[in-house]
Amino acid sequence: NIVIKADLPGVDKKDIHVDLNGRVL
């Protein structure tokens, strides 16, 4: 696996978007 951990304090879960286009996340 490739693992990414991002610190997003104070961000509501519904306001987070994860998109993959080819090899670009």
mmCIF file of all heavy atoms, coordinates in Angstrom:
data_MODEL
# 
_entry.id   MODEL 
# 
loop_
_atom_site.group_PDB 
_atom_site.id 
_atom_site.type_symbol 
_atom_site.label_atom_id 
_atom_site.label_alt_id 
_atom_site.label_comp_id 
_atom_site.label_asym_id 
_atom_site.label_entity_id 
_atom_site.label_seq_id 
_atom_site.pdbx_PDB_ins_code 
_atom_site.Cartn_x 
_atom_site.Cartn_y 
_atom_site.Cartn_z 
_atom_site.occupancy 
_atom_site.B_iso_or_equiv 
_atom_site.pdbx_formal_charge 
_atom_site.auth_seq_id 
_atom_site.auth_comp_id 
_atom_site.auth_asym_id 
_atom_site.auth_atom_id 
_atom_site.pdbx_PDB_model_num 
ATOM 1   N N   . ASN A 1 1  ? 0.826   -1.214 0.000   1.00 0.00 ? 1  ASN A N   1 
ATOM 2   C CA  . ASN A 1 1  ? 0.000   0.000  0.000   1.00 0.00 ? 1  ASN A CA  1 
ATOM 3   C C   . ASN A 1 1  ? 0.858   1.261  0.000   1.00 0.00 ? 1  ASN A C   1 
ATOM 4   O O   . ASN A 1 1  ? 1.979   1.261  0.478   1.00 0.00 ? 1  ASN A O   1 
ATOM 5   C CB  . ASN A 1 1  ? -0.890  0.055  1.251   1.00 0.00 ? 1  ASN A CB  1 
ATOM 6   C CG  . ASN A 1 1  ? -1.870  -1.077 1.312   1.00 0.00 ? 1  ASN A CG  1 
ATOM 7   O OD1 . ASN A 1 1  ? -2.572  -1.347 0.351   1.00 0.00 ? 1  ASN A OD1 1 
ATOM 8   N ND2 . ASN A 1 1  ? -1.916  -1.768 2.434   1.00 0.00 ? 1  ASN A ND2 1 
ATOM 9   N N   . ILE A 1 2  ? 0.268   2.330  -0.513  1.00 0.00 ? 2  ILE A N   1 
ATOM 10  C CA  . ILE A 1 2  ? 0.786   3.674  -0.312  1.00 0.00 ? 2  ILE A CA  1 
ATOM 11  C C   . ILE A 1 2  ? -0.149  4.298  0.711   1.00 0.00 ? 2  ILE A C   1 
ATOM 12  O O   . ILE A 1 2  ? -1.379  4.203  0.583   1.00 0.00 ? 2  ILE A O   1 
ATOM 13  C CB  . ILE A 1 2  ? 0.780   4.488  -1.615  1.00 0.00 ? 2  ILE A CB  1 
ATOM 14  C CG1 . ILE A 1 2  ? 1.689   3.821  -2.651  1.00 0.00 ? 2  ILE A CG1 1 
ATOM 15  C CG2 . ILE A 1 2  ? 1.205   5.922  -1.358  1.00 0.00 ? 2  ILE A CG2 1 
ATOM 16  C CD1 . ILE A 1 2  ? 1.551   4.385  -4.041  1.00 0.00 ? 2  ILE A CD1 1 
ATOM 17  N N   . VAL A 1 3  ? 0.403   4.912  1.746   1.00 0.00 ? 3  VAL A N   1 
ATOM 18  C CA  . VAL A 1 3  ? -0.417  5.464  2.825   1.00 0.00 ? 3  VAL A CA  1 
ATOM 19  C C   . VAL A 1 3  ? -0.189  6.975  2.901   1.00 0.00 ? 3  VAL A C   1 
ATOM 20  O O   . VAL A 1 3  ? 0.953   7.444  2.859   1.00 0.00 ? 3  VAL A O   1 
ATOM 21  C CB  . VAL A 1 3  ? -0.071  4.797  4.177   1.00 0.00 ? 3  VAL A CB  1 
ATOM 22  C CG1 . VAL A 1 3  ? -0.883  5.410  5.300   1.00 0.00 ? 3  VAL A CG1 1 
ATOM 23  C CG2 . VAL A 1 3  ? -0.302  3.299  4.103   1.00 0.00 ? 3  VAL A CG2 1 
ATOM 24  N N   . ILE A 1 4  ? -1.280  7.718  3.005   1.00 0.00 ? 4  ILE A N   1 
ATOM 25  C CA  . ILE A 1 4  ? -1.222  9.164  3.180   1.00 0.00 ? 4  ILE A CA  1 
ATOM 26  C C   . ILE A 1 4  ? -2.001  9.505  4.440   1.00 0.00 ? 4  ILE A C   1 
ATOM 27  O O   . ILE A 1 4  ? -3.150  9.092  4.597   1.00 0.00 ? 4  ILE A O   1 
ATOM 28  C CB  . ILE A 1 4  ? -1.825  9.911  1.973   1.00 0.00 ? 4  ILE A CB  1 
ATOM 29  C CG1 . ILE A 1 4  ? -1.041  9.605  0.709   1.00 0.00 ? 4  ILE A CG1 1 
ATOM 30  C CG2 . ILE A 1 4  ? -1.875  11.414 2.243   1.00 0.00 ? 4  ILE A CG2 1 
ATOM 31  C CD1 . ILE A 1 4  ? -1.616  10.200 -0.546  1.00 0.00 ? 4  ILE A CD1 1 
ATOM 32  N N   . LYS A 1 5  ? -1.354  10.245 5.341   1.00 0.00 ? 5  LYS A N   1 
ATOM 33  C CA  . LYS A 1 5  ? -2.031  10.757 6.533   1.00 0.00 ? 5  LYS A CA  1 
ATOM 34  C C   . LYS A 1 5  ? -1.961  12.277 6.474   1.00 0.00 ? 5  LYS A C   1 
ATOM 35  O O   . LYS A 1 5  ? -0.881  12.848 6.326   1.00 0.00 ? 5  LYS A O   1 
ATOM 36  C CB  . LYS A 1 5  ? -1.350  10.267 7.809   1.00 0.00 ? 5  LYS A CB  1 
ATOM 37  C CG  . LYS A 1 5  ? -1.552  8.795  8.067   1.00 0.00 ? 5  LYS A CG  1 
ATOM 38  C CD  . LYS A 1 5  ? -0.928  8.399  9.386   1.00 0.00 ? 5  LYS A CD  1 
ATOM 39  C CE  . LYS A 1 5  ? -1.130  6.923  9.665   1.00 0.00 ? 5  LYS A CE  1 
ATOM 40  N NZ  . LYS A 1 5  ? -0.524  6.531  10.933  1.00 0.00 ? 5  LYS A NZ  1 
ATOM 41  N N   . ALA A 1 6  ? -3.110  12.925 6.570   1.00 0.00 ? 6  ALA A N   1 
ATOM 42  C CA  . ALA A 1 6  ? -3.191  14.379 6.490   1.00 0.00 ? 6  ALA A CA  1 
ATOM 43  C C   . ALA A 1 6  ? -3.838  14.933 7.745   1.00 0.00 ? 6  ALA A C   1 
ATOM 44  O O   . ALA A 1 6  ? -4.897  14.458 8.160   1.00 0.00 ? 6  ALA A O   1 
ATOM 45  C CB  . ALA A 1 6  ? -3.993  14.796 5.261   1.00 0.00 ? 6  ALA A CB  1 
ATOM 46  N N   . ASP A 1 7  ? -3.208  15.936 8.349   1.00 0.00 ? 7  ASP A N   1 
ATOM 47  C CA  . ASP A 1 7  ? -3.780  16.615 9.518   1.00 0.00 ? 7  ASP A CA  1 
ATOM 48  C C   . ASP A 1 7  ? -4.795  17.646 9.042   1.00 0.00 ? 7  ASP A C   1 
ATOM 49  O O   . ASP A 1 7  ? -4.433  18.611 8.361   1.00 0.00 ? 7  ASP A O   1 
ATOM 50  C CB  . ASP A 1 7  ? -2.684  17.303 10.335  1.00 0.00 ? 7  ASP A CB  1 
ATOM 51  C CG  . ASP A 1 7  ? -1.838  16.325 11.119  1.00 0.00 ? 7  ASP A CG  1 
ATOM 52  O OD1 . ASP A 1 7  ? -2.215  15.144 11.206  1.00 0.00 ? 7  ASP A OD1 1 
ATOM 53  O OD2 . ASP A 1 7  ? -0.796  16.746 11.657  1.00 0.00 ? 7  ASP A OD2 1 
ATOM 54  N N   . LEU A 1 8  ? -6.044  17.430 9.396   1.00 0.00 ? 8  LEU A N   1 
ATOM 55  C CA  . LEU A 1 8  ? -7.134  18.324 8.990   1.00 0.00 ? 8  LEU A CA  1 
ATOM 56  C C   . LEU A 1 8  ? -7.986  18.719 10.191  1.00 0.00 ? 8  LEU A C   1 
ATOM 57  O O   . LEU A 1 8  ? -9.208  18.517 10.191  1.00 0.00 ? 8  LEU A O   1 
ATOM 58  C CB  . LEU A 1 8  ? -8.011  17.632 7.936   1.00 0.00 ? 8  LEU A CB  1 
ATOM 59  C CG  . LEU A 1 8  ? -7.311  17.200 6.648   1.00 0.00 ? 8  LEU A CG  1 
ATOM 60  C CD1 . LEU A 1 8  ? -8.259  16.373 5.787   1.00 0.00 ? 8  LEU A CD1 1 
ATOM 61  C CD2 . LEU A 1 8  ? -6.810  18.406 5.898   1.00 0.00 ? 8  LEU A CD2 1 
ATOM 62  N N   . PRO A 1 9  ? -7.385  19.290 11.236  1.00 0.00 ? 9  PRO A N   1 
ATOM 63  C CA  . PRO A 1 9  ? -8.189  19.646 12.404  1.00 0.00 ? 9  PRO A CA  1 
ATOM 64  C C   . PRO A 1 9  ? -9.215  20.722 12.064  1.00 0.00 ? 9  PRO A C   1 
ATOM 65  O O   . PRO A 1 9  ? -8.932  21.652 11.325  1.00 0.00 ? 9  PRO A O   1 
ATOM 66  C CB  . PRO A 1 9  ? -7.150  20.170 13.395  1.00 0.00 ? 9  PRO A CB  1 
ATOM 67  C CG  . PRO A 1 9  ? -6.025  20.652 12.547  1.00 0.00 ? 9  PRO A CG  1 
ATOM 68  C CD  . PRO A 1 9  ? -6.000  19.731 11.358  1.00 0.00 ? 9  PRO A CD  1 
ATOM 69  N N   . GLY A 1 10 ? -10.398 20.540 12.585  1.00 0.00 ? 10 GLY A N   1 
ATOM 70  C CA  . GLY A 1 10 ? -11.448 21.526 12.378  1.00 0.00 ? 10 GLY A CA  1 
ATOM 71  C C   . GLY A 1 10 ? -12.157 21.429 11.044  1.00 0.00 ? 10 GLY A C   1 
ATOM 72  O O   . GLY A 1 10 ? -13.013 22.246 10.741  1.00 0.00 ? 10 GLY A O   1 
ATOM 73  N N   . VAL A 1 11 ? -11.816 20.429 10.234  1.00 0.00 ? 11 VAL A N   1 
ATOM 74  C CA  . VAL A 1 11 ? -12.480 20.250 8.937   1.00 0.00 ? 11 VAL A CA  1 
ATOM 75  C C   . VAL A 1 11 ? -13.582 19.211 9.113   1.00 0.00 ? 11 VAL A C   1 
ATOM 76  O O   . VAL A 1 11 ? -13.355 18.135 9.658   1.00 0.00 ? 11 VAL A O   1 
ATOM 77  C CB  . VAL A 1 11 ? -11.478 19.795 7.854   1.00 0.00 ? 11 VAL A CB  1 
ATOM 78  C CG1 . VAL A 1 11 ? -12.193 19.559 6.530   1.00 0.00 ? 11 VAL A CG1 1 
ATOM 79  C CG2 . VAL A 1 11 ? -10.368 20.817 7.683   1.00 0.00 ? 11 VAL A CG2 1 
ATOM 80  N N   . ASP A 1 12 ? -14.774 19.554 8.671   1.00 0.00 ? 12 ASP A N   1 
ATOM 81  C CA  . ASP A 1 12 ? -15.902 18.631 8.747   1.00 0.00 ? 12 ASP A CA  1 
ATOM 82  C C   . ASP A 1 12 ? -15.720 17.530 7.696   1.00 0.00 ? 12 ASP A C   1 
ATOM 83  O O   . ASP A 1 12 ? -15.271 17.786 6.576   1.00 0.00 ? 12 ASP A O   1 
ATOM 84  C CB  . ASP A 1 12 ? -17.211 19.385 8.499   1.00 0.00 ? 12 ASP A CB  1 
ATOM 85  C CG  . ASP A 1 12 ? -18.424 18.604 8.955   1.00 0.00 ? 12 ASP A CG  1 
ATOM 86  O OD1 . ASP A 1 12 ? -18.311 17.375 9.150   1.00 0.00 ? 12 ASP A OD1 1 
ATOM 87  O OD2 . ASP A 1 12 ? -19.482 19.227 9.121   1.00 0.00 ? 12 ASP A OD2 1 
ATOM 88  N N   . LYS A 1 13 ? -16.054 16.317 8.053   1.00 0.00 ? 13 LYS A N   1 
ATOM 89  C CA  . LYS A 1 13 ? -15.877 15.157 7.170   1.00 0.00 ? 13 LYS A CA  1 
ATOM 90  C C   . LYS A 1 13 ? -16.565 15.345 5.820   1.00 0.00 ? 13 LYS A C   1 
ATOM 91  O O   . LYS A 1 13 ? -16.032 14.962 4.788   1.00 0.00 ? 13 LYS A O   1 
ATOM 92  C CB  . LYS A 1 13 ? -16.410 13.912 7.877   1.00 0.00 ? 13 LYS A CB  1 
ATOM 93  C CG  . LYS A 1 13 ? -16.156 12.619 7.162   1.00 0.00 ? 13 LYS A CG  1 
ATOM 94  C CD  . LYS A 1 13 ? -16.317 11.459 8.114   1.00 0.00 ? 13 LYS A CD  1 
ATOM 95  C CE  . LYS A 1 13 ? -17.451 10.582 7.781   1.00 0.00 ? 13 LYS A CE  1 
ATOM 96  N NZ  . LYS A 1 13 ? -17.529 9.391  8.634   1.00 0.00 ? 13 LYS A NZ  1 
ATOM 97  N N   . LYS A 1 14 ? -17.701 15.985 5.814   1.00 0.00 ? 14 LYS A N   1 
ATOM 98  C CA  . LYS A 1 14 ? -18.439 16.189 4.565   1.00 0.00 ? 14 LYS A CA  1 
ATOM 99  C C   . LYS A 1 14 ? -17.739 17.187 3.637   1.00 0.00 ? 14 LYS A C   1 
ATOM 100 O O   . LYS A 1 14 ? -18.037 17.252 2.446   1.00 0.00 ? 14 LYS A O   1 
ATOM 101 C CB  . LYS A 1 14 ? -19.867 16.647 4.843   1.00 0.00 ? 14 LYS A CB  1 
ATOM 102 C CG  . LYS A 1 14 ? -19.977 18.021 5.466   1.00 0.00 ? 14 LYS A CG  1 
ATOM 103 C CD  . LYS A 1 14 ? -21.422 18.420 5.653   1.00 0.00 ? 14 LYS A CD  1 
ATOM 104 C CE  . LYS A 1 14 ? -21.564 19.742 6.345   1.00 0.00 ? 14 LYS A CE  1 
ATOM 105 N NZ  . LYS A 1 14 ? -20.814 20.843 5.805   1.00 0.00 ? 14 LYS A NZ  1 
ATOM 106 N N   . ASP A 1 15 ? -16.771 17.942 4.151   1.00 0.00 ? 15 ASP A N   1 
ATOM 107 C CA  . ASP A 1 15 ? -16.052 18.935 3.354   1.00 0.00 ? 15 ASP A CA  1 
ATOM 108 C C   . ASP A 1 15 ? -14.730 18.412 2.810   1.00 0.00 ? 15 ASP A C   1 
ATOM 109 O O   . ASP A 1 15 ? -13.936 19.183 2.269   1.00 0.00 ? 15 ASP A O   1 
ATOM 110 C CB  . ASP A 1 15 ? -15.798 20.197 4.187   1.00 0.00 ? 15 ASP A CB  1 
ATOM 111 C CG  . ASP A 1 15 ? -17.081 20.910 4.548   1.00 0.00 ? 15 ASP A CG  1 
ATOM 112 O OD1 . ASP A 1 15 ? -18.047 20.825 3.768   1.00 0.00 ? 15 ASP A OD1 1 
ATOM 113 O OD2 . ASP A 1 15 ? -17.133 21.544 5.615   1.00 0.00 ? 15 ASP A OD2 1 
ATOM 114 N N   . ILE A 1 16 ? -14.454 17.115 2.960   1.00 0.00 ? 16 ILE A N   1 
ATOM 115 C CA  . ILE A 1 16 ? -13.204 16.515 2.487   1.00 0.00 ? 16 ILE A CA  1 
ATOM 116 C C   . ILE A 1 16 ? -13.485 15.693 1.237   1.00 0.00 ? 16 ILE A C   1 
ATOM 117 O O   . ILE A 1 16 ? -14.432 14.907 1.206   1.00 0.00 ? 16 ILE A O   1 
ATOM 118 C CB  . ILE A 1 16 ? -12.580 15.612 3.577   1.00 0.00 ? 16 ILE A CB  1 
ATOM 119 C CG1 . ILE A 1 16 ? -12.270 16.414 4.832   1.00 0.00 ? 16 ILE A CG1 1 
ATOM 120 C CG2 . ILE A 1 16 ? -11.315 14.938 3.053   1.00 0.00 ? 16 ILE A CG2 1 
ATOM 121 C CD1 . ILE A 1 16 ? -11.854 15.552 6.013   1.00 0.00 ? 16 ILE A CD1 1 
ATOM 122 N N   . HIS A 1 17 ? -12.651 15.871 0.203   1.00 0.00 ? 17 HIS A N   1 
ATOM 123 C CA  . HIS A 1 17 ? -12.811 15.144 -1.057  1.00 0.00 ? 17 HIS A CA  1 
ATOM 124 C C   . HIS A 1 17 ? -11.486 14.472 -1.416  1.00 0.00 ? 17 HIS A C   1 
ATOM 125 O O   . HIS A 1 17 ? -10.430 15.090 -1.345  1.00 0.00 ? 17 HIS A O   1 
ATOM 126 C CB  . HIS A 1 17 ? -13.230 16.087 -2.180  1.00 0.00 ? 17 HIS A CB  1 
ATOM 127 C CG  . HIS A 1 17 ? -14.430 16.904 -1.838  1.00 0.00 ? 17 HIS A CG  1 
ATOM 128 N ND1 . HIS A 1 17 ? -15.699 16.383 -1.850  1.00 0.00 ? 17 HIS A ND1 1 
ATOM 129 C CD2 . HIS A 1 17 ? -14.547 18.185 -1.430  1.00 0.00 ? 17 HIS A CD2 1 
ATOM 130 C CE1 . HIS A 1 17 ? -16.558 17.324 -1.488  1.00 0.00 ? 17 HIS A CE1 1 
ATOM 131 N NE2 . HIS A 1 17 ? -15.878 18.422 -1.212  1.00 0.00 ? 17 HIS A NE2 1 
ATOM 132 N N   . VAL A 1 18 ? -11.564 13.195 -1.802  1.00 0.00 ? 18 VAL A N   1 
ATOM 133 C CA  . VAL A 1 18 ? -10.405 12.433 -2.250  1.00 0.00 ? 18 VAL A CA  1 
ATOM 134 C C   . VAL A 1 18 ? -10.711 11.961 -3.660  1.00 0.00 ? 18 VAL A C   1 
ATOM 135 O O   . VAL A 1 18 ? -11.698 11.262 -3.877  1.00 0.00 ? 18 VAL A O   1 
ATOM 136 C CB  . VAL A 1 18 ? -10.125 11.221 -1.325  1.00 0.00 ? 18 VAL A CB  1 
ATOM 137 C CG1 . VAL A 1 18 ? -8.911  10.445 -1.810  1.00 0.00 ? 18 VAL A CG1 1 
ATOM 138 C CG2 . VAL A 1 18 ? -9.937  11.676 0.120   1.00 0.00 ? 18 VAL A CG2 1 
ATOM 139 N N   . ASP A 1 19 ? -9.867  12.372 -4.633  1.00 0.00 ? 19 ASP A N   1 
ATOM 140 C CA  . ASP A 1 19 ? -10.094 12.023 -6.035  1.00 0.00 ? 19 ASP A CA  1 
ATOM 141 C C   . ASP A 1 19 ? -8.832  11.404 -6.616  1.00 0.00 ? 19 ASP A C   1 
ATOM 142 O O   . ASP A 1 19 ? -7.716  11.801 -6.272  1.00 0.00 ? 19 ASP A O   1 
ATOM 143 C CB  . ASP A 1 19 ? -10.457 13.274 -6.854  1.00 0.00 ? 19 ASP A CB  1 
ATOM 144 C CG  . ASP A 1 19 ? -11.708 13.951 -6.343  1.00 0.00 ? 19 ASP A CG  1 
ATOM 145 O OD1 . ASP A 1 19 ? -12.743 13.272 -6.270  1.00 0.00 ? 19 ASP A OD1 1 
ATOM 146 O OD2 . ASP A 1 19 ? -11.641 15.142 -5.990  1.00 0.00 ? 19 ASP A OD2 1 
ATOM 147 N N   . LEU A 1 20 ? -9.023  10.450 -7.526  1.00 0.00 ? 20 LEU A N   1 
ATOM 148 C CA  . LEU A 1 20 ? -7.915  9.810  -8.226  1.00 0.00 ? 20 LEU A CA  1 
ATOM 149 C C   . LEU A 1 20 ? -8.139  9.958  -9.720  1.00 0.00 ? 20 LEU A C   1 
ATOM 150 O O   . LEU A 1 20 ? -9.210  9.626  -10.239 1.00 0.00 ? 20 LEU A O   1 
ATOM 151 C CB  . LEU A 1 20 ? -7.820  8.330  -7.851  1.00 0.00 ? 20 LEU A CB  1 
ATOM 152 C CG  . LEU A 1 20 ? -6.693  7.545  -8.526  1.00 0.00 ? 20 LEU A CG  1 
ATOM 153 C CD1 . LEU A 1 20 ? -5.342  8.014  -7.998  1.00 0.00 ? 20 LEU A CD1 1 
ATOM 154 C CD2 . LEU A 1 20 ? -6.868  6.066  -8.292  1.00 0.00 ? 20 LEU A CD2 1 
ATOM 155 N N   . ASN A 1 21 ? -7.112  10.473 -10.417 1.00 0.00 ? 21 ASN A N   1 
ATOM 156 C CA  . ASN A 1 21 ? -7.168  10.613 -11.864 1.00 0.00 ? 21 ASN A CA  1 
ATOM 157 C C   . ASN A 1 21 ? -5.853  10.072 -12.414 1.00 0.00 ? 21 ASN A C   1 
ATOM 158 O O   . ASN A 1 21 ? -4.830  10.742 -12.333 1.00 0.00 ? 21 ASN A O   1 
ATOM 159 C CB  . ASN A 1 21 ? -7.375  12.071 -12.257 1.00 0.00 ? 21 ASN A CB  1 
ATOM 160 C CG  . ASN A 1 21 ? -7.581  12.236 -13.747 1.00 0.00 ? 21 ASN A CG  1 
ATOM 161 O OD1 . ASN A 1 21 ? -7.643  11.261 -14.487 1.00 0.00 ? 21 ASN A OD1 1 
ATOM 162 N ND2 . ASN A 1 21 ? -7.680  13.480 -14.186 1.00 0.00 ? 21 ASN A ND2 1 
ATOM 163 N N   . GLY A 1 22 ? -5.879  8.852  -12.915 1.00 0.00 ? 22 GLY A N   1 
ATOM 164 C CA  . GLY A 1 22 ? -4.646  8.201  -13.355 1.00 0.00 ? 22 GLY A CA  1 
ATOM 165 C C   . GLY A 1 22 ? -3.765  7.907  -12.150 1.00 0.00 ? 22 GLY A C   1 
ATOM 166 O O   . GLY A 1 22 ? -4.156  7.187  -11.247 1.00 0.00 ? 22 GLY A O   1 
ATOM 167 N N   . ARG A 1 23 ? -2.571  8.497  -12.138 1.00 0.00 ? 23 ARG A N   1 
ATOM 168 C CA  . ARG A 1 23 ? -1.649  8.335  -11.005 1.00 0.00 ? 23 ARG A CA  1 
ATOM 169 C C   . ARG A 1 23 ? -1.617  9.572  -10.102 1.00 0.00 ? 23 ARG A C   1 
ATOM 170 O O   . ARG A 1 23 ? -0.721  9.718  -9.289  1.00 0.00 ? 23 ARG A O   1 
ATOM 171 C CB  . ARG A 1 23 ? -0.243  8.061  -11.509 1.00 0.00 ? 23 ARG A CB  1 
ATOM 172 C CG  . ARG A 1 23 ? -0.049  6.664  -12.018 1.00 0.00 ? 23 ARG A CG  1 
ATOM 173 C CD  . ARG A 1 23 ? 1.402   6.442  -12.285 1.00 0.00 ? 23 ARG A CD  1 
ATOM 174 N NE  . ARG A 1 23 ? 1.647   5.054  -12.648 1.00 0.00 ? 23 ARG A NE  1 
ATOM 175 C CZ  . ARG A 1 23 ? 2.835   4.566  -12.878 1.00 0.00 ? 23 ARG A CZ  1 
ATOM 176 N NH1 . ARG A 1 23 ? 3.887   5.347  -12.779 1.00 0.00 ? 23 ARG A NH1 1 
ATOM 177 N NH2 . ARG A 1 23 ? 2.990   3.315  -13.198 1.00 0.00 ? 23 ARG A NH2 1 
ATOM 178 N N   . VAL A 1 24 ? -2.571  10.463 -10.258 1.00 0.00 ? 24 VAL A N   1 
ATOM 179 C CA  . VAL A 1 24 ? -2.605  11.687 -9.450  1.00 0.00 ? 24 VAL A CA  1 
ATOM 180 C C   . VAL A 1 24 ? -3.752  11.601 -8.443  1.00 0.00 ? 24 VAL A C   1 
ATOM 181 O O   . VAL A 1 24 ? -4.923  11.515 -8.830  1.00 0.00 ? 24 VAL A O   1 
ATOM 182 C CB  . VAL A 1 24 ? -2.765  12.939 -10.334 1.00 0.00 ? 24 VAL A CB  1 
ATOM 183 C CG1 . VAL A 1 24 ? -2.839  14.196 -9.483  1.00 0.00 ? 24 VAL A CG1 1 
ATOM 184 C CG2 . VAL A 1 24 ? -1.615  13.036 -11.327 1.00 0.00 ? 24 VAL A CG2 1 
ATOM 185 N N   . LEU A 1 25 ? -3.397  11.621 -7.163  1.00 0.00 ? 25 LEU A N   1 
ATOM 186 C CA  . LEU A 1 25 ? -4.387  11.621 -6.090  1.00 0.00 ? 25 LEU A CA  1 
ATOM 187 C C   . LEU A 1 25 ? -4.517  13.048 -5.579  1.00 0.00 ? 25 LEU A C   1 
ATOM 188 O O   . LEU A 1 25 ? -3.505  13.716 -5.327  1.00 0.00 ? 25 LEU A O   1 
ATOM 189 C CB  . LEU A 1 25 ? -3.953  10.701 -4.945  1.00 0.00 ? 25 LEU A CB  1 
ATOM 190 C CG  . LEU A 1 25 ? -4.987  10.599 -3.825  1.00 0.00 ? 25 LEU A CG  1 
ATOM 191 C CD1 . LEU A 1 25 ? -5.994  9.511  -4.164  1.00 0.00 ? 25 LEU A CD1 1 
ATOM 192 C CD2 . LEU A 1 25 ? -4.322  10.304 -2.507  1.00 0.00 ? 25 LEU A CD2 1 
# 
